[in-house]
Amino acid sequence: MLSDGQWALLEPLIEACRPKGKTPPQDLRRTLSAILWRHQNGAKGRAVPGELGPWWRAAQIFIRWARSGVWERLLHLVQECGIKLGMVFLDGTSVRAHQKAAGARR
């Protein structure tokens, strides 16, 4: 879950770039915590813990924001503000490929 300090840094940036709809998202902090939890753990959408809210709300916000470019705008705002982001390494042993991607003959 996002700490108070992390949320204090992110909230104005998120409000600056998120789409303004008819109704504001419910408990945006908790929903973003669910999105971050899912991506940190590499879990399926339905595996989000119940205390982080309904899994479908986090999935819905993530997909909508991805389609409308909110994540890219947020990244640029974070970089402009000088907030240091951690590094992420993707290990190839955890990436699944289709069986046809193995190079076997047909």
PDB file of N, CA and C in Angstrom:
ATOM      1  N   MET A   1       0.840  -1.175   0.000  1.00  0.00           N
ATOM      2  CA  MET A   1       0.000   0.000   0.000  1.00  0.00           C
ATOM      3  C   MET A   1       0.889   1.243   0.000  1.00  0.00           C
ATOM      4  N   LEU A   2       0.426   2.270  -0.656  1.00  0.00           N
ATOM      5  CA  LEU A   2       1.188   3.513  -0.715  1.00  0.00           C
ATOM      6  C   LEU A   2       1.239   4.165   0.662  1.00  0.00           C
ATOM      7  N   SER A   3       2.431   4.572   1.068  1.00  0.00           N
ATOM      8  CA  SER A   3       2.573   5.257   2.357  1.00  0.00           C
ATOM      9  C   SER A   3       2.037   6.680   2.223  1.00  0.00           C
ATOM     10  N   ASP A   4       1.863   7.354   3.354  1.00  0.00           N
ATOM     11  CA  ASP A   4       1.368   8.726   3.332  1.00  0.00           C
ATOM     12  C   ASP A   4       2.321   9.640   2.570  1.00  0.00           C
ATOM     13  N   GLY A   5       3.618   9.443   2.746  1.00  0.00           N
ATOM     14  CA  GLY A   5       4.609  10.262   2.051  1.00  0.00           C
ATOM     15  C   GLY A   5       4.573  10.047   0.542  1.00  0.00           C
ATOM     16  N   GLN A   6       4.476   8.782   0.133  1.00  0.00           N
ATOM     17  CA  GLN A   6       4.402   8.467  -1.294  1.00  0.00           C
ATOM     18  C   GLN A   6       3.137   9.051  -1.915  1.00  0.00           C
ATOM     19  N   TRP A   7       2.024   8.928  -1.203  1.00  0.00           N
ATOM     20  CA  TRP A   7       0.764   9.450  -1.723  1.00  0.00           C
ATOM     21  C   TRP A   7       0.781  10.980  -1.798  1.00  0.00           C
ATOM     22  N   ALA A   8       1.418  11.614  -0.826  1.00  0.00           N
ATOM     23  CA  ALA A   8       1.513  13.080  -0.849  1.00  0.00           C
ATOM     24  C   ALA A   8       2.291  13.562  -2.074  1.00  0.00           C
ATOM     25  N   LEU A   9       3.306  12.804  -2.489  1.00  0.00           N
ATOM     26  CA  LEU A   9       4.062  13.153  -3.701  1.00  0.00           C
ATOM     27  C   LEU A   9       3.279  12.855  -4.978  1.00  0.00           C
ATOM     28  N   LEU A  10       2.577  11.737  -5.002  1.00  0.00           N
ATOM     29  CA  LEU A  10       1.914  11.298  -6.224  1.00  0.00           C
ATOM     30  C   LEU A  10       0.553  11.938  -6.470  1.00  0.00           C
ATOM     31  N   GLU A  11      -0.181  12.252  -5.418  1.00  0.00           N
ATOM     32  CA  GLU A  11      -1.556  12.720  -5.600  1.00  0.00           C
ATOM     33  C   GLU A  11      -1.684  13.945  -6.500  1.00  0.00           C
ATOM     34  N   PRO A  12      -0.889  15.011  -6.287  1.00  0.00           N
ATOM     35  CA  PRO A  12      -1.044  16.161  -7.197  1.00  0.00           C
ATOM     36  C   PRO A  12      -0.665  15.837  -8.644  1.00  0.00           C
ATOM     37  N   LEU A  13       0.303  14.943  -8.829  1.00  0.00           N
ATOM     38  CA  LEU A  13       0.698  14.558 -10.182  1.00  0.00           C
ATOM     39  C   LEU A  13      -0.396  13.741 -10.858  1.00  0.00           C
ATOM     40  N   ILE A  14      -1.007  12.853 -10.101  1.00  0.00           N
ATOM     41  CA  ILE A  14      -2.091  12.031 -10.645  1.00  0.00           C
ATOM     42  C   ILE A  14      -3.284  12.900 -10.999  1.00  0.00           C
ATOM     43  N   GLU A  15      -3.626  13.825 -10.109  1.00  0.00           N
ATOM     44  CA  GLU A  15      -4.761  14.711 -10.382  1.00  0.00           C
ATOM     45  C   GLU A  15      -4.518  15.584 -11.603  1.00  0.00           C
ATOM     46  N   ALA A  16      -3.260  15.896 -11.879  1.00  0.00           N
ATOM     47  CA  ALA A  16      -2.935  16.740 -13.032  1.00  0.00           C
ATOM     48  C   ALA A  16      -3.097  15.999 -14.356  1.00  0.00           C
ATOM     49  N   CYS A  17      -2.951  14.688 -14.354  1.00  0.00           N
ATOM     50  CA  CYS A  17      -2.966  13.975 -15.640  1.00  0.00           C
ATOM     51  C   CYS A  17      -4.081  12.954 -15.781  1.00  0.00           C
ATOM     52  N   ARG A  18      -4.839  12.686 -14.747  1.00  0.00           N
ATOM     53  CA  ARG A  18      -5.917  11.697 -14.890  1.00  0.00           C
ATOM     54  C   ARG A  18      -7.103  12.313 -15.613  1.00  0.00           C
ATOM     55  N   PRO A  19      -7.876  11.487 -16.338  1.00  0.00           N
ATOM     56  CA  PRO A  19      -9.043  12.017 -17.043  1.00  0.00           C
ATOM     57  C   PRO A  19     -10.115  12.434 -16.049  1.00  0.00           C
ATOM     58  N   LYS A  20     -10.752  13.547 -16.336  1.00  0.00           N
ATOM     59  CA  LYS A  20     -11.823  14.049 -15.468  1.00  0.00           C
ATOM     60  C   LYS A  20     -13.145  13.552 -16.027  1.00  0.00           C
ATOM     61  N   GLY A  21     -13.723  12.569 -15.374  1.00  0.00           N
ATOM     62  CA  GLY A  21     -14.985  11.994 -15.823  1.00  0.00           C
ATOM     63  C   GLY A  21     -16.154  12.599 -15.076  1.00  0.00           C
ATOM     64  N   LYS A  22     -17.318  12.032 -15.319  1.00  0.00           N
ATOM     65  CA  LYS A  22     -18.522  12.498 -14.636  1.00  0.00           C
ATOM     66  C   LYS A  22     -18.424  12.254 -13.134  1.00  0.00           C
ATOM     67  N   THR A  23     -17.898  11.101 -12.779  1.00  0.00           N
ATOM     68  CA  THR A  23     -17.748  10.775 -11.363  1.00  0.00           C
ATOM     69  C   THR A  23     -16.283  10.449 -11.091  1.00  0.00           C
ATOM     70  N   PRO A  24     -15.714  11.025 -10.040  1.00  0.00           N
ATOM     71  CA  PRO A  24     -14.314  10.710  -9.718  1.00  0.00           C
ATOM     72  C   PRO A  24     -14.194   9.264  -9.240  1.00  0.00           C
ATOM     73  N   PRO A  25     -13.052   8.651  -9.459  1.00  0.00           N
ATOM     74  CA  PRO A  25     -12.881   7.261  -9.012  1.00  0.00           C
ATOM     75  C   PRO A  25     -12.965   7.170  -7.491  1.00  0.00           C
ATOM     76  N   GLN A  26     -13.555   6.083  -7.031  1.00  0.00           N
ATOM     77  CA  GLN A  26     -13.693   5.866  -5.600  1.00  0.00           C
ATOM     78  C   GLN A  26     -12.371   5.400  -5.018  1.00  0.00           C
ATOM     79  N   ASP A  27     -11.946   6.056  -3.962  1.00  0.00           N
ATOM     80  CA  ASP A  27     -10.746   5.677  -3.214  1.00  0.00           C
ATOM     81  C   ASP A  27      -9.568   5.385  -4.147  1.00  0.00           C
ATOM     82  N   LEU A  28      -9.139   6.422  -4.831  1.00  0.00           N
ATOM     83  CA  LEU A  28      -8.090   6.298  -5.843  1.00  0.00           C
ATOM     84  C   LEU A  28      -6.781   5.779  -5.248  1.00  0.00           C
ATOM     85  N   ARG A  29      -6.475   6.173  -4.025  1.00  0.00           N
ATOM     86  CA  ARG A  29      -5.229   5.717  -3.385  1.00  0.00           C
ATOM     87  C   ARG A  29      -5.208   4.197  -3.251  1.00  0.00           C
ATOM     88  N   ARG A  30      -6.326   3.642  -2.801  1.00  0.00           N
ATOM     89  CA  ARG A  30      -6.407   2.196  -2.619  1.00  0.00           C
ATOM     90  C   ARG A  30      -6.355   1.477  -3.965  1.00  0.00           C
ATOM     91  N   THR A  31      -7.015   2.043  -4.976  1.00  0.00           N
ATOM     92  CA  THR A  31      -7.018   1.440  -6.299  1.00  0.00           C
ATOM     93  C   THR A  31      -5.617   1.438  -6.902  1.00  0.00           C
ATOM     94  N   LEU A  32      -4.893   2.544  -6.758  1.00  0.00           N
ATOM     95  CA  LEU A  32      -3.517   2.590  -7.265  1.00  0.00           C
ATOM     96  C   LEU A  32      -2.615   1.628  -6.502  1.00  0.00           C
ATOM     97  N   SER A  33      -2.864   1.475  -5.213  1.00  0.00           N
ATOM     98  CA  SER A  33      -2.097   0.488  -4.440  1.00  0.00           C
ATOM     99  C   SER A  33      -2.336  -0.917  -4.975  1.00  0.00           C
ATOM    100  N   ALA A  34      -3.575  -1.211  -5.370  1.00  0.00           N
ATOM    101  CA  ALA A  34      -3.898  -2.522  -5.939  1.00  0.00           C
ATOM    102  C   ALA A  34      -3.180  -2.721  -7.272  1.00  0.00           C
ATOM    103  N   ILE A  35      -3.148  -1.675  -8.108  1.00  0.00           N
ATOM    104  CA  ILE A  35      -2.460  -1.764  -9.398  1.00  0.00           C
ATOM    105  C   ILE A  35      -0.968  -2.004  -9.181  1.00  0.00           C
ATOM    106  N   LEU A  36      -0.370  -1.251  -8.263  1.00  0.00           N
ATOM    107  CA  LEU A  36       1.055  -1.417  -7.975  1.00  0.00           C
ATOM    108  C   LEU A  36       1.342  -2.787  -7.384  1.00  0.00           C
ATOM    109  N   TRP A  37       0.474  -3.265  -6.477  1.00  0.00           N
ATOM    110  CA  TRP A  37       0.669  -4.579  -5.861  1.00  0.00           C
ATOM    111  C   TRP A  37       0.672  -5.659  -6.941  1.00  0.00           C
ATOM    112  N   ARG A  38      -0.299  -5.573  -7.857  1.00  0.00           N
ATOM    113  CA  ARG A  38      -0.412  -6.582  -8.908  1.00  0.00           C
ATOM    114  C   ARG A  38       0.831  -6.623  -9.783  1.00  0.00           C
ATOM    115  N   HIS A  39       1.349  -5.458 -10.140  1.00  0.00           N
ATOM    116  CA  HIS A  39       2.510  -5.426 -11.025  1.00  0.00           C
ATOM    117  C   HIS A  39       3.810  -5.757 -10.300  1.00  0.00           C
ATOM    118  N   GLN A  40       3.884  -5.466  -9.009  1.00  0.00           N
ATOM    119  CA  GLN A  40       5.071  -5.854  -8.244  1.00  0.00           C
ATOM    120  C   GLN A  40       5.153  -7.360  -8.076  1.00  0.00           C
ATOM    121  N   ASN A  41       3.999  -7.993  -7.892  1.00  0.00           N
ATOM    122  CA  ASN A  41       3.968  -9.423  -7.619  1.00  0.00           C
ATOM    123  C   ASN A  41       3.771 -10.274  -8.858  1.00  0.00           C
ATOM    124  N   GLY A  42       3.463  -9.666  -9.987  1.00  0.00           N
ATOM    125  CA  GLY A  42       3.248 -10.422 -11.214  1.00  0.00           C
ATOM    126  C   GLY A  42       2.059 -11.350 -11.132  1.00  0.00           C
ATOM    127  N   ALA A  43       1.100 -10.977 -10.312  1.00  0.00           N
ATOM    128  CA  ALA A  43      -0.055 -11.838 -10.078  1.00  0.00           C
ATOM    129  C   ALA A  43      -1.153 -11.580 -11.105  1.00  0.00           C
ATOM    130  N   LYS A  44      -2.086 -12.470 -11.166  1.00  0.00           N
ATOM    131  CA  LYS A  44      -3.265 -12.297 -12.001  1.00  0.00           C
ATOM    132  C   LYS A  44      -4.148 -11.223 -11.358  1.00  0.00           C
ATOM    133  N   GLY A  45      -5.016 -10.641 -12.148  1.00  0.00           N
ATOM    134  CA  GLY A  45      -5.869  -9.560 -11.669  1.00  0.00           C
ATOM    135  C   GLY A  45      -6.733  -9.950 -10.493  1.00  0.00           C
ATOM    136  N   ARG A  46      -7.261 -11.145 -10.511  1.00  0.00           N
ATOM    137  CA  ARG A  46      -8.168 -11.568  -9.436  1.00  0.00           C
ATOM    138  C   ARG A  46      -7.442 -11.924  -8.150  1.00  0.00           C
ATOM    139  N   ALA A  47      -6.120 -11.933  -8.164  1.00  0.00           N
ATOM    140  CA  ALA A  47      -5.348 -12.277  -6.966  1.00  0.00           C
ATOM    141  C   ALA A  47      -5.095 -11.076  -6.062  1.00  0.00           C
ATOM    142  N   VAL A  48      -5.580  -9.906  -6.439  1.00  0.00           N
ATOM    143  CA  VAL A  48      -5.374  -8.700  -5.625  1.00  0.00           C
ATOM    144  C   VAL A  48      -6.056  -8.906  -4.278  1.00  0.00           C
ATOM    145  N   PRO A  49      -5.360  -8.629  -3.158  1.00  0.00           N
ATOM    146  CA  PRO A  49      -5.964  -8.815  -1.842  1.00  0.00           C
ATOM    147  C   PRO A  49      -7.230  -7.975  -1.670  1.00  0.00           C
ATOM    148  N   GLY A  50      -8.180  -8.489  -0.947  1.00  0.00           N
ATOM    149  CA  GLY A  50      -9.460  -7.825  -0.735  1.00  0.00           C
ATOM    150  C   GLY A  50      -9.359  -6.466  -0.081  1.00  0.00           C
ATOM    151  N   GLU A  51      -8.356  -6.268   0.775  1.00  0.00           N
ATOM    152  CA  GLU A  51      -8.222  -4.968   1.452  1.00  0.00           C
ATOM    153  C   GLU A  51      -7.803  -3.849   0.498  1.00  0.00           C
ATOM    154  N   LEU A  52      -7.375  -4.202  -0.719  1.00  0.00           N
ATOM    155  CA  LEU A  52      -7.020  -3.199  -1.717  1.00  0.00           C
ATOM    156  C   LEU A  52      -8.179  -2.882  -2.650  1.00  0.00           C
ATOM    157  N   GLY A  53      -9.348  -3.394  -2.326  1.00  0.00           N
ATOM    158  CA  GLY A  53     -10.534  -3.105  -3.116  1.00  0.00           C
ATOM    159  C   GLY A  53     -10.824  -4.185  -4.126  1.00  0.00           C
ATOM    160  N   PRO A  54     -11.917  -4.006  -4.857  1.00  0.00           N
ATOM    161  CA  PRO A  54     -12.289  -5.003  -5.857  1.00  0.00           C
ATOM    162  C   PRO A  54     -11.249  -5.084  -6.970  1.00  0.00           C
ATOM    163  N   TRP A  55     -10.920  -6.299  -7.374  1.00  0.00           N
ATOM    164  CA  TRP A  55      -9.894  -6.498  -8.409  1.00  0.00           C
ATOM    165  C   TRP A  55     -10.308  -5.863  -9.725  1.00  0.00           C
ATOM    166  N   TRP A  56     -11.613  -5.903 -10.034  1.00  0.00           N
ATOM    167  CA  TRP A  56     -12.082  -5.396 -11.316  1.00  0.00           C
ATOM    168  C   TRP A  56     -11.945  -3.883 -11.413  1.00  0.00           C
ATOM    169  N   ARG A  57     -12.040  -3.179 -10.271  1.00  0.00           N
ATOM    170  CA  ARG A  57     -11.883  -1.724 -10.308  1.00  0.00           C
ATOM    171  C   ARG A  57     -10.447  -1.349 -10.671  1.00  0.00           C
ATOM    172  N   ALA A  58      -9.481  -2.052 -10.076  1.00  0.00           N
ATOM    173  CA  ALA A  58      -8.074  -1.786 -10.401  1.00  0.00           C
ATOM    174  C   ALA A  58      -7.795  -2.106 -11.867  1.00  0.00           C
ATOM    175  N   ALA A  59      -8.331  -3.208 -12.357  1.00  0.00           N
ATOM    176  CA  ALA A  59      -8.129  -3.582 -13.761  1.00  0.00           C
ATOM    177  C   ALA A  59      -8.767  -2.563 -14.691  1.00  0.00           C
ATOM    178  N   GLN A  60      -9.956  -2.106 -14.344  1.00  0.00           N
ATOM    179  CA  GLN A  60     -10.679  -1.146 -15.173  1.00  0.00           C
ATOM    180  C   GLN A  60      -9.937   0.189 -15.256  1.00  0.00           C
ATOM    181  N   ILE A  61      -9.478   0.694 -14.113  1.00  0.00           N
ATOM    182  CA  ILE A  61      -8.737   1.957 -14.095  1.00  0.00           C
ATOM    183  C   ILE A  61      -7.433   1.807 -14.870  1.00  0.00           C
ATOM    184  N   PHE A  62      -6.714   0.707 -14.664  1.00  0.00           N
ATOM    185  CA  PHE A  62      -5.448   0.499 -15.367  1.00  0.00           C
ATOM    186  C   PHE A  62      -5.650   0.494 -16.880  1.00  0.00           C
ATOM    187  N   ILE A  63      -6.637  -0.240 -17.355  1.00  0.00           N
ATOM    188  CA  ILE A  63      -6.882  -0.342 -18.795  1.00  0.00           C
ATOM    189  C   ILE A  63      -7.315   1.001 -19.370  1.00  0.00           C
ATOM    190  N   ARG A  64      -8.237   1.682 -18.704  1.00  0.00           N
ATOM    191  CA  ARG A  64      -8.698   2.982 -19.196  1.00  0.00           C
ATOM    192  C   ARG A  64      -7.561   3.990 -19.262  1.00  0.00           C
ATOM    193  N   TRP A  65      -6.747   4.016 -18.223  1.00  0.00           N
ATOM    194  CA  TRP A  65      -5.637   4.974 -18.186  1.00  0.00           C
ATOM    195  C   TRP A  65      -4.573   4.612 -19.221  1.00  0.00           C
ATOM    196  N   ALA A  66      -4.382   3.322 -19.471  1.00  0.00           N
ATOM    197  CA  ALA A  66      -3.410   2.916 -20.494  1.00  0.00           C
ATOM    198  C   ALA A  66      -3.877   3.364 -21.879  1.00  0.00           C
ATOM    199  N   ARG A  67      -5.141   3.203 -22.155  1.00  0.00           N
ATOM    200  CA  ARG A  67      -5.682   3.588 -23.465  1.00  0.00           C
ATOM    201  C   ARG A  67      -5.654   5.099 -23.678  1.00  0.00           C
ATOM    202  N   SER A  68      -5.854   5.860 -22.599  1.00  0.00           N
ATOM    203  CA  SER A  68      -5.907   7.318 -22.750  1.00  0.00           C
ATOM    204  C   SER A  68      -4.552   7.988 -22.541  1.00  0.00           C
ATOM    205  N   GLY A  69      -3.495   7.208 -22.268  1.00  0.00           N
ATOM    206  CA  GLY A  69      -2.150   7.762 -22.157  1.00  0.00           C
ATOM    207  C   GLY A  69      -1.813   8.386 -20.818  1.00  0.00           C
ATOM    208  N   VAL A  70      -2.591   8.092 -19.792  1.00  0.00           N
ATOM    209  CA  VAL A  70      -2.352   8.684 -18.466  1.00  0.00           C
ATOM    210  C   VAL A  70      -1.026   8.212 -17.887  1.00  0.00           C
ATOM    211  N   TRP A  71      -0.691   6.937 -18.068  1.00  0.00           N
ATOM    212  CA  TRP A  71       0.547   6.403 -17.482  1.00  0.00           C
ATOM    213  C   TRP A  71       1.779   7.085 -18.082  1.00  0.00           C
ATOM    214  N   GLU A  72       1.741   7.359 -19.385  1.00  0.00           N
ATOM    215  CA  GLU A  72       2.871   8.054 -20.020  1.00  0.00           C
ATOM    216  C   GLU A  72       2.994   9.484 -19.505  1.00  0.00           C
ATOM    217  N   ARG A  73       1.844  10.185 -19.396  1.00  0.00           N
ATOM    218  CA  ARG A  73       1.871  11.555 -18.873  1.00  0.00           C
ATOM    219  C   ARG A  73       2.358  11.579 -17.434  1.00  0.00           C
ATOM    220  N   LEU A  74       1.915  10.597 -16.643  1.00  0.00           N
ATOM    221  CA  LEU A  74       2.346  10.529 -15.248  1.00  0.00           C
ATOM    222  C   LEU A  74       3.848  10.278 -15.149  1.00  0.00           C
ATOM    223  N   LEU A  75       4.375   9.402 -15.989  1.00  0.00           N
ATOM    224  CA  LEU A  75       5.814   9.134 -15.995  1.00  0.00           C
ATOM    225  C   LEU A  75       6.597  10.404 -16.315  1.00  0.00           C
ATOM    226  N   HIS A  76       6.155  11.153 -17.323  1.00  0.00           N
ATOM    227  CA  HIS A  76       6.855  12.386 -17.687  1.00  0.00           C
ATOM    228  C   HIS A  76       6.789  13.414 -16.562  1.00  0.00           C
ATOM    229  N   LEU A  77       5.636  13.523 -15.882  1.00  0.00           N
ATOM    230  CA  LEU A  77       5.524  14.457 -14.756  1.00  0.00           C
ATOM    231  C   LEU A  77       6.446  14.061 -13.606  1.00  0.00           C
ATOM    232  N   VAL A  78       6.499  12.773 -13.320  1.00  0.00           N
ATOM    233  CA  VAL A  78       7.363  12.279 -12.238  1.00  0.00           C
ATOM    234  C   VAL A  78       8.824  12.562 -12.560  1.00  0.00           C
ATOM    235  N   GLN A  79       9.214  12.343 -13.814  1.00  0.00           N
ATOM    236  CA  GLN A  79      10.597  12.600 -14.208  1.00  0.00           C
ATOM    237  C   GLN A  79      10.924  14.088 -14.155  1.00  0.00           C
ATOM    238  N   GLU A  80       9.989  14.942 -14.530  1.00  0.00           N
ATOM    239  CA  GLU A  80      10.218  16.381 -14.486  1.00  0.00           C
ATOM    240  C   GLU A  80      10.359  16.886 -13.052  1.00  0.00           C
ATOM    241  N   CYS A  81       9.648  16.263 -12.122  1.00  0.00           N
ATOM    242  CA  CYS A  81       9.699  16.686 -10.722  1.00  0.00           C
ATOM    243  C   CYS A  81      10.949  16.191 -10.007  1.00  0.00           C
ATOM    244  N   GLY A  82      11.700  15.329 -10.640  1.00  0.00           N
ATOM    245  CA  GLY A  82      12.938  14.842 -10.044  1.00  0.00           C
ATOM    246  C   GLY A  82      12.755  13.712  -9.053  1.00  0.00           C
ATOM    247  N   ILE A  83      11.592  13.066  -9.061  1.00  0.00           N
ATOM    248  CA  ILE A  83      11.366  11.930  -8.168  1.00  0.00           C
ATOM    249  C   ILE A  83      12.143  10.749  -8.727  1.00  0.00           C
ATOM    250  N   LYS A  84      12.941  10.135  -7.888  1.00  0.00           N
ATOM    251  CA  LYS A  84      13.769   9.016  -8.328  1.00  0.00           C
ATOM    252  C   LYS A  84      12.939   7.734  -8.331  1.00  0.00           C
ATOM    253  N   LEU A  85      12.992   7.059  -9.448  1.00  0.00           N
ATOM    254  CA  LEU A  85      12.287   5.795  -9.586  1.00  0.00           C
ATOM    255  C   LEU A  85      13.277   4.655  -9.390  1.00  0.00           C
ATOM    256  N   GLY A  86      12.814   3.553  -8.845  1.00  0.00           N
ATOM    257  CA  GLY A  86      13.673   2.393  -8.677  1.00  0.00           C
ATOM    258  C   GLY A  86      13.913   1.717 -10.010  1.00  0.00           C
ATOM    259  N   MET A  87      14.854   0.831 -10.034  1.00  0.00           N
ATOM    260  CA  MET A  87      15.149   0.104 -11.263  1.00  0.00           C
ATOM    261  C   MET A  87      14.408  -1.224 -11.245  1.00  0.00           C
ATOM    262  N   VAL A  88      14.019  -1.662 -12.404  1.00  0.00           N
ATOM    263  CA  VAL A  88      13.313  -2.926 -12.549  1.00  0.00           C
ATOM    264  C   VAL A  88      14.093  -3.795 -13.523  1.00  0.00           C
ATOM    265  N   PHE A  89      14.297  -5.028 -13.147  1.00  0.00           N
ATOM    266  CA  PHE A  89      14.967  -5.982 -14.023  1.00  0.00           C
ATOM    267  C   PHE A  89      13.993  -7.097 -14.332  1.00  0.00           C
ATOM    268  N   LEU A  90      13.931  -7.481 -15.581  1.00  0.00           N
ATOM    269  CA  LEU A  90      13.067  -8.562 -16.002  1.00  0.00           C
ATOM    270  C   LEU A  90      13.939  -9.762 -16.320  1.00  0.00           C
ATOM    271  N   ASP A  91      13.731 -10.818 -15.588  1.00  0.00           N
ATOM    272  CA  ASP A  91      14.494 -12.038 -15.788  1.00  0.00           C
ATOM    273  C   ASP A  91      13.806 -12.880 -16.850  1.00  0.00           C
ATOM    274  N   GLY A  92      14.532 -13.251 -17.870  1.00  0.00           N
ATOM    275  CA  GLY A  92      13.962 -14.009 -18.976  1.00  0.00           C
ATOM    276  C   GLY A  92      13.435 -15.380 -18.585  1.00  0.00           C
ATOM    277  N   THR A  93      13.864 -15.912 -17.452  1.00  0.00           N
ATOM    278  CA  THR A  93      13.374 -17.229 -17.065  1.00  0.00           C
ATOM    279  C   THR A  93      11.932 -17.170 -16.591  1.00  0.00           C
ATOM    280  N   SER A  94      11.440 -15.977 -16.277  1.00  0.00           N
ATOM    281  CA  SER A  94      10.067 -15.872 -15.798  1.00  0.00           C
ATOM    282  C   SER A  94       9.096 -15.460 -16.902  1.00  0.00           C
ATOM    283  N   VAL A  95       9.591 -15.280 -18.117  1.00  0.00           N
ATOM    284  CA  VAL A  95       8.742 -14.896 -19.233  1.00  0.00           C
ATOM    285  C   VAL A  95       8.364 -16.152 -20.002  1.00  0.00           C
ATOM    286  N   ARG A  96       7.076 -16.385 -20.093  1.00  0.00           N
ATOM    287  CA  ARG A  96       6.626 -17.585 -20.793  1.00  0.00           C
ATOM    288  C   ARG A  96       6.488 -17.300 -22.284  1.00  0.00           C
ATOM    289  N   ALA A  97       6.899 -18.257 -23.057  1.00  0.00           N
ATOM    290  CA  ALA A  97       6.751 -18.157 -24.512  1.00  0.00           C
ATOM    291  C   ALA A  97       5.847 -19.281 -24.979  1.00  0.00           C
ATOM    292  N   HIS A  98       5.226 -19.060 -26.102  1.00  0.00           N
ATOM    293  CA  HIS A  98       4.381 -20.093 -26.682  1.00  0.00           C
ATOM    294  C   HIS A  98       5.282 -21.231 -27.139  1.00  0.00           C
ATOM    295  N   GLN A  99       4.735 -22.434 -27.162  1.00  0.00           N
ATOM    296  CA  GLN A  99       5.536 -23.602 -27.540  1.00  0.00           C
ATOM    297  C   GLN A  99       6.087 -23.478 -28.953  1.00  0.00           C
ATOM    298  N   LYS A 100       5.405 -22.747 -29.829  1.00  0.00           N
ATOM    299  CA  LYS A 100       5.879 -22.574 -31.200  1.00  0.00           C
ATOM    300  C   LYS A 100       7.032 -21.588 -31.268  1.00  0.00           C
ATOM    301  N   ALA A 101       7.272 -20.841 -30.203  1.00  0.00           N
ATOM    302  CA  ALA A 101       8.367 -19.877 -30.178  1.00  0.00           C
ATOM    303  C   ALA A 101       9.701 -20.535 -29.841  1.00  0.00           C
ATOM    304  N   ALA A 102       9.706 -21.830 -29.584  1.00  0.00           N
ATOM    305  CA  ALA A 102      10.907 -22.546 -29.180  1.00  0.00           C
ATOM    306  C   ALA A 102      11.808 -22.889 -30.359  1.00  0.00           C
ATOM    307  N   GLY A 103      11.341 -22.695 -31.583  1.00  0.00           N
ATOM    308  CA  GLY A 103      12.168 -22.965 -32.752  1.00  0.00           C
ATOM    309  C   GLY A 103      12.054 -24.367 -33.293  1.00  0.00           C
ATOM    310  N   ALA A 104      11.072 -25.130 -32.840  1.00  0.00           N
ATOM    311  CA  ALA A 104      10.897 -26.489 -33.347  1.00  0.00           C
ATOM    312  C   ALA A 104      10.321 -26.471 -34.763  1.00  0.00           C
ATOM    313  N   ARG A 105      10.593 -27.520 -35.498  1.00  0.00           N
ATOM    314  CA  ARG A 105      10.055 -27.619 -36.847  1.00  0.00           C
ATOM    315  C   ARG A 105       8.544 -27.838 -36.783  1.00  0.00           C
ATOM    316  N   ARG A 106       7.926 -27.445 -37.856  1.00  0.00           N
ATOM    317  CA  ARG A 106       6.467 -27.617 -37.932  1.00  0.00           C
ATOM    318  C   ARG A 106       6.090 -28.963 -38.441  1.00  0.00           C
TER     319      ARG A 106
END
